[in-house]
Amino acid sequence: MGRVQVADRGNGISEGPVKHVFERFGRAVSSRSFGGRAWAGPREGGGARFTLDLPLEKERRE
């Protein structure tokens, strides 16, 4: 997995809105085809942190 992480020093993000940051959009292809994971939360010292994990190599299916 590769990881991308972005943090800011703004007002932060409360628990209510953070639940909706990465809501799914409609897709023609199953999300299993893409892999990876995204999440957000508060940053220590204030602000917010957004994290994205992506597979580095496509899984081989037999």
PDB file of N, CA and C in Angstrom:
ATOM      1  N   MET A   1       0.835  -1.187   0.000  1.00  0.00           N
ATOM      2  CA  MET A   1       0.000   0.000   0.000  1.00  0.00           C
ATOM      3  C   MET A   1       0.876   1.245   0.000  1.00  0.00           C
ATOM      4  N   GLY A   2       0.430   2.221  -0.739  1.00  0.00           N
ATOM      5  CA  GLY A   2       1.024   3.542  -0.697  1.00  0.00           C
ATOM      6  C   GLY A   2       0.098   4.439   0.108  1.00  0.00           C
ATOM      7  N   ARG A   3       0.635   5.403   0.813  1.00  0.00           N
ATOM      8  CA  ARG A   3      -0.187   6.281   1.647  1.00  0.00           C
ATOM      9  C   ARG A   3       0.093   7.733   1.324  1.00  0.00           C
ATOM     10  N   VAL A   4      -0.995   8.498   1.157  1.00  0.00           N
ATOM     11  CA  VAL A   4      -0.926   9.940   0.977  1.00  0.00           C
ATOM     12  C   VAL A   4      -1.655  10.542   2.168  1.00  0.00           C
ATOM     13  N   GLN A   5      -1.012  11.503   2.826  1.00  0.00           N
ATOM     14  CA  GLN A   5      -1.632  12.119   3.986  1.00  0.00           C
ATOM     15  C   GLN A   5      -1.499  13.636   3.878  1.00  0.00           C
ATOM     16  N   VAL A   6      -2.611  14.330   4.074  1.00  0.00           N
ATOM     17  CA  VAL A   6      -2.639  15.785   4.007  1.00  0.00           C
ATOM     18  C   VAL A   6      -3.188  16.299   5.320  1.00  0.00           C
ATOM     19  N   ALA A   7      -2.508  17.271   5.906  1.00  0.00           N
ATOM     20  CA  ALA A   7      -2.956  17.859   7.161  1.00  0.00           C
ATOM     21  C   ALA A   7      -2.974  19.376   7.029  1.00  0.00           C
ATOM     22  N   ASP A   8      -3.894  20.006   7.754  1.00  0.00           N
ATOM     23  CA  ASP A   8      -3.932  21.465   7.767  1.00  0.00           C
ATOM     24  C   ASP A   8      -3.968  21.953   9.213  1.00  0.00           C
ATOM     25  N   ARG A   9      -3.894  23.253   9.377  1.00  0.00           N
ATOM     26  CA  ARG A   9      -3.915  23.838  10.718  1.00  0.00           C
ATOM     27  C   ARG A   9      -5.121  24.754  10.882  1.00  0.00           C
ATOM     28  N   GLY A  10      -6.182  24.461  10.143  1.00  0.00           N
ATOM     29  CA  GLY A  10      -7.402  25.277  10.180  1.00  0.00           C
ATOM     30  C   GLY A  10      -8.223  25.003  11.427  1.00  0.00           C
ATOM     31  N   ASN A  11      -9.534  25.208  11.303  1.00  0.00           N
ATOM     32  CA  ASN A  11     -10.451  25.036  12.423  1.00  0.00           C
ATOM     33  C   ASN A  11     -10.698  23.579  12.775  1.00  0.00           C
ATOM     34  N   GLY A  12     -10.258  22.670  11.946  1.00  0.00           N
ATOM     35  CA  GLY A  12     -10.489  21.255  12.195  1.00  0.00           C
ATOM     36  C   GLY A  12     -11.804  20.794  11.596  1.00  0.00           C
ATOM     37  N   ILE A  13     -12.163  19.565  11.879  1.00  0.00           N
ATOM     38  CA  ILE A  13     -13.398  18.992  11.362  1.00  0.00           C
ATOM     39  C   ILE A  13     -14.035  18.194  12.486  1.00  0.00           C
ATOM     40  N   SER A  14     -15.291  18.484  12.766  1.00  0.00           N
ATOM     41  CA  SER A  14     -15.964  17.805  13.877  1.00  0.00           C
ATOM     42  C   SER A  14     -16.451  16.428  13.446  1.00  0.00           C
ATOM     43  N   GLU A  15     -16.821  15.624  14.415  1.00  0.00           N
ATOM     44  CA  GLU A  15     -17.203  14.237  14.162  1.00  0.00           C
ATOM     45  C   GLU A  15     -18.408  14.112  13.242  1.00  0.00           C
ATOM     46  N   GLY A  16     -19.376  15.020  13.340  1.00  0.00           N
ATOM     47  CA  GLY A  16     -20.570  14.955  12.488  1.00  0.00           C
ATOM     48  C   GLY A  16     -20.231  15.057  11.008  1.00  0.00           C
ATOM     49  N   PRO A  17     -19.622  16.162  10.569  1.00  0.00           N
ATOM     50  CA  PRO A  17     -19.295  16.314   9.146  1.00  0.00           C
ATOM     51  C   PRO A  17     -18.263  15.311   8.633  1.00  0.00           C
ATOM     52  N   VAL A  18     -17.341  14.857   9.472  1.00  0.00           N
ATOM     53  CA  VAL A  18     -16.293  13.945   9.001  1.00  0.00           C
ATOM     54  C   VAL A  18     -16.900  12.637   8.496  1.00  0.00           C
ATOM     55  N   LYS A  19     -18.061  12.268   9.008  1.00  0.00           N
ATOM     56  CA  LYS A  19     -18.718  11.029   8.566  1.00  0.00           C
ATOM     57  C   LYS A  19     -19.151  11.113   7.101  1.00  0.00           C
ATOM     58  N   HIS A  20     -19.313  12.322   6.574  1.00  0.00           N
ATOM     59  CA  HIS A  20     -19.834  12.497   5.220  1.00  0.00           C
ATOM     60  C   HIS A  20     -18.767  12.886   4.195  1.00  0.00           C
ATOM     61  N   VAL A  21     -17.546  13.089   4.624  1.00  0.00           N
ATOM     62  CA  VAL A  21     -16.490  13.557   3.721  1.00  0.00           C
ATOM     63  C   VAL A  21     -16.261  12.592   2.568  1.00  0.00           C
ATOM     64  N   PHE A  22     -16.250  11.306   2.841  1.00  0.00           N
ATOM     65  CA  PHE A  22     -15.931  10.319   1.803  1.00  0.00           C
ATOM     66  C   PHE A  22     -17.128   9.436   1.453  1.00  0.00           C
ATOM     67  N   GLU A  23     -18.329  10.001   1.475  1.00  0.00           N
ATOM     68  CA  GLU A  23     -19.492   9.214   1.077  1.00  0.00           C
ATOM     69  C   GLU A  23     -19.325   8.750  -0.356  1.00  0.00           C
ATOM     70  N   ARG A  24     -19.852   7.590  -0.651  1.00  0.00           N
ATOM     71  CA  ARG A  24     -19.708   7.005  -1.986  1.00  0.00           C
ATOM     72  C   ARG A  24     -20.570   7.723  -3.006  1.00  0.00           C
ATOM     73  N   PHE A  25     -20.039   7.794  -4.197  1.00  0.00           N
ATOM     74  CA  PHE A  25     -20.780   8.287  -5.347  1.00  0.00           C
ATOM     75  C   PHE A  25     -21.230   7.079  -6.149  1.00  0.00           C
ATOM     76  N   GLY A  26     -22.208   7.240  -7.021  1.00  0.00           N
ATOM     77  CA  GLY A  26     -22.646   6.147  -7.857  1.00  0.00           C
ATOM     78  C   GLY A  26     -21.537   5.718  -8.809  1.00  0.00           C
ATOM     79  N   ARG A  27     -21.431   4.415  -9.052  1.00  0.00           N
ATOM     80  CA  ARG A  27     -20.399   3.879  -9.948  1.00  0.00           C
ATOM     81  C   ARG A  27     -20.990   2.799 -10.834  1.00  0.00           C
ATOM     82  N   ALA A  28     -20.413   2.669 -11.999  1.00  0.00           N
ATOM     83  CA  ALA A  28     -20.829   1.600 -12.903  1.00  0.00           C
ATOM     84  C   ALA A  28     -20.064   0.318 -12.605  1.00  0.00           C
ATOM     85  N   VAL A  29     -18.977   0.433 -11.848  1.00  0.00           N
ATOM     86  CA  VAL A  29     -18.119  -0.711 -11.530  1.00  0.00           C
ATOM     87  C   VAL A  29     -18.057  -0.861 -10.016  1.00  0.00           C
ATOM     88  N   SER A  30     -17.992  -2.081  -9.542  1.00  0.00           N
ATOM     89  CA  SER A  30     -17.912  -2.345  -8.111  1.00  0.00           C
ATOM     90  C   SER A  30     -16.687  -1.695  -7.483  1.00  0.00           C
ATOM     91  N   SER A  31     -16.815  -1.211  -6.249  1.00  0.00           N
ATOM     92  CA  SER A  31     -15.677  -0.598  -5.553  1.00  0.00           C
ATOM     93  C   SER A  31     -14.572  -1.614  -5.290  1.00  0.00           C
ATOM     94  N   ARG A  32     -14.891  -2.917  -5.337  1.00  0.00           N
ATOM     95  CA  ARG A  32     -13.860  -3.948  -5.163  1.00  0.00           C
ATOM     96  C   ARG A  32     -12.831  -3.899  -6.280  1.00  0.00           C
ATOM     97  N   SER A  33     -13.211  -3.307  -7.416  1.00  0.00           N
ATOM     98  CA  SER A  33     -12.295  -3.213  -8.547  1.00  0.00           C
ATOM     99  C   SER A  33     -11.186  -2.200  -8.310  1.00  0.00           C
ATOM    100  N   PHE A  34     -11.362  -1.316  -7.333  1.00  0.00           N
ATOM    101  CA  PHE A  34     -10.421  -0.233  -7.120  1.00  0.00           C
ATOM    102  C   PHE A  34      -9.516  -0.432  -5.913  1.00  0.00           C
ATOM    103  N   GLY A  35     -10.023  -0.976  -4.839  1.00  0.00           N
ATOM    104  CA  GLY A  35      -9.232  -1.135  -3.620  1.00  0.00           C
ATOM    105  C   GLY A  35      -8.952   0.199  -2.980  1.00  0.00           C
ATOM    106  N   GLY A  36      -8.150   0.190  -1.940  1.00  0.00           N
ATOM    107  CA  GLY A  36      -7.800   1.429  -1.261  1.00  0.00           C
ATOM    108  C   GLY A  36      -8.795   1.796  -0.178  1.00  0.00           C
ATOM    109  N   ARG A  37      -8.444   2.859   0.547  1.00  0.00           N
ATOM    110  CA  ARG A  37      -9.258   3.292   1.671  1.00  0.00           C
ATOM    111  C   ARG A  37      -8.974   4.768   1.920  1.00  0.00           C
ATOM    112  N   ALA A  38      -9.984   5.530   2.312  1.00  0.00           N
ATOM    113  CA  ALA A  38      -9.812   6.950   2.615  1.00  0.00           C
ATOM    114  C   ALA A  38     -10.524   7.267   3.922  1.00  0.00           C
ATOM    115  N   TRP A  39      -9.931   8.133   4.731  1.00  0.00           N
ATOM    116  CA  TRP A  39     -10.567   8.558   5.969  1.00  0.00           C
ATOM    117  C   TRP A  39     -10.029   9.916   6.400  1.00  0.00           C
ATOM    118  N   ALA A  40     -10.751  10.544   7.311  1.00  0.00           N
ATOM    119  CA  ALA A  40     -10.383  11.873   7.798  1.00  0.00           C
ATOM    120  C   ALA A  40     -10.599  11.920   9.296  1.00  0.00           C
ATOM    121  N   GLY A  41      -9.930  12.855   9.937  1.00  0.00           N
ATOM    122  CA  GLY A  41     -10.087  13.029  11.370  1.00  0.00           C
ATOM    123  C   GLY A  41      -9.352  14.259  11.838  1.00  0.00           C
ATOM    124  N   PRO A  42      -9.439  14.538  13.123  1.00  0.00           N
ATOM    125  CA  PRO A  42      -8.753  15.712  13.665  1.00  0.00           C
ATOM    126  C   PRO A  42      -7.236  15.524  13.660  1.00  0.00           C
ATOM    127  N   ARG A  43      -6.521  16.613  13.538  1.00  0.00           N
ATOM    128  CA  ARG A  43      -5.058  16.612  13.597  1.00  0.00           C
ATOM    129  C   ARG A  43      -4.641  17.052  14.992  1.00  0.00           C
ATOM    130  N   GLU A  44      -3.699  16.356  15.583  1.00  0.00           N
ATOM    131  CA  GLU A  44      -3.205  16.737  16.900  1.00  0.00           C
ATOM    132  C   GLU A  44      -2.671  18.163  16.845  1.00  0.00           C
ATOM    133  N   GLY A  45      -3.097  19.006  17.744  1.00  0.00           N
ATOM    134  CA  GLY A  45      -2.677  20.394  17.751  1.00  0.00           C
ATOM    135  C   GLY A  45      -3.611  21.299  16.961  1.00  0.00           C
ATOM    136  N   GLY A  46      -4.712  20.742  16.417  1.00  0.00           N
ATOM    137  CA  GLY A  46      -5.690  21.520  15.664  1.00  0.00           C
ATOM    138  C   GLY A  46      -5.647  21.221  14.186  1.00  0.00           C
ATOM    139  N   GLY A  47      -6.726  21.508  13.536  1.00  0.00           N
ATOM    140  CA  GLY A  47      -6.815  21.243  12.108  1.00  0.00           C
ATOM    141  C   GLY A  47      -7.369  19.860  11.822  1.00  0.00           C
ATOM    142  N   ALA A  48      -7.171  19.399  10.600  1.00  0.00           N
ATOM    143  CA  ALA A  48      -7.698  18.104  10.159  1.00  0.00           C
ATOM    144  C   ALA A  48      -6.615  17.330   9.421  1.00  0.00           C
ATOM    145  N   ARG A  49      -6.786  16.022   9.357  1.00  0.00           N
ATOM    146  CA  ARG A  49      -5.864  15.145   8.628  1.00  0.00           C
ATOM    147  C   ARG A  49      -6.703  14.230   7.730  1.00  0.00           C
ATOM    148  N   PHE A  50      -6.318  14.161   6.463  1.00  0.00           N
ATOM    149  CA  PHE A  50      -6.991  13.319   5.476  1.00  0.00           C
ATOM    150  C   PHE A  50      -5.987  12.279   4.988  1.00  0.00           C
ATOM    151  N   THR A  51      -6.390  11.017   4.990  1.00  0.00           N
ATOM    152  CA  THR A  51      -5.476   9.932   4.634  1.00  0.00           C
ATOM    153  C   THR A  51      -6.087   9.080   3.531  1.00  0.00           C
ATOM    154  N   LEU A  52      -5.250   8.699   2.577  1.00  0.00           N
ATOM    155  CA  LEU A  52      -5.656   7.870   1.458  1.00  0.00           C
ATOM    156  C   LEU A  52      -4.639   6.746   1.297  1.00  0.00           C
ATOM    157  N   ASP A  53      -5.096   5.504   1.407  1.00  0.00           N
ATOM    158  CA  ASP A  53      -4.255   4.331   1.170  1.00  0.00           C
ATOM    159  C   ASP A  53      -4.658   3.715  -0.163  1.00  0.00           C
ATOM    160  N   LEU A  54      -3.681   3.474  -1.022  1.00  0.00           N
ATOM    161  CA  LEU A  54      -3.939   2.878  -2.335  1.00  0.00           C
ATOM    162  C   LEU A  54      -3.026   1.691  -2.567  1.00  0.00           C
ATOM    163  N   PRO A  55      -3.532   0.654  -3.211  1.00  0.00           N
ATOM    164  CA  PRO A  55      -2.671  -0.488  -3.522  1.00  0.00           C
ATOM    165  C   PRO A  55      -1.605  -0.065  -4.529  1.00  0.00           C
ATOM    166  N   LEU A  56      -0.394  -0.556  -4.358  1.00  0.00           N
ATOM    167  CA  LEU A  56       0.699  -0.214  -5.267  1.00  0.00           C
ATOM    168  C   LEU A  56       0.694  -1.086  -6.513  1.00  0.00           C
ATOM    169  N   GLU A  57       0.138  -2.272  -6.413  1.00  0.00           N
ATOM    170  CA  GLU A  57       0.120  -3.195  -7.538  1.00  0.00           C
ATOM    171  C   GLU A  57      -1.251  -3.851  -7.592  1.00  0.00           C
ATOM    172  N   LYS A  58      -1.802  -3.972  -8.773  1.00  0.00           N
ATOM    173  CA  LYS A  58      -3.110  -4.589  -8.915  1.00  0.00           C
ATOM    174  C   LYS A  58      -3.030  -6.054  -8.515  1.00  0.00           C
ATOM    175  N   GLU A  59      -4.026  -6.501  -7.723  1.00  0.00           N
ATOM    176  CA  GLU A  59      -4.057  -7.897  -7.286  1.00  0.00           C
ATOM    177  C   GLU A  59      -4.239  -8.811  -8.478  1.00  0.00           C
ATOM    178  N   ARG A  60      -3.567  -9.938  -8.447  1.00  0.00           N
ATOM    179  CA  ARG A  60      -3.724 -10.923  -9.514  1.00  0.00           C
ATOM    180  C   ARG A  60      -4.841 -11.877  -9.127  1.00  0.00           C
ATOM    181  N   ARG A  61      -5.752 -12.094 -10.046  1.00  0.00           N
ATOM    182  CA  ARG A  61      -6.870 -13.011  -9.809  1.00  0.00           C
ATOM    183  C   ARG A  61      -6.681 -14.257 -10.646  1.00  0.00           C
ATOM    184  N   GLU A  62      -6.861 -15.383 -10.006  1.00  0.00           N
ATOM    185  CA  GLU A  62      -6.702 -16.662 -10.714  1.00  0.00           C
ATOM    186  C   GLU A  62      -8.020 -17.359 -10.866  1.00  0.00           C
TER     187      GLU A  62
END
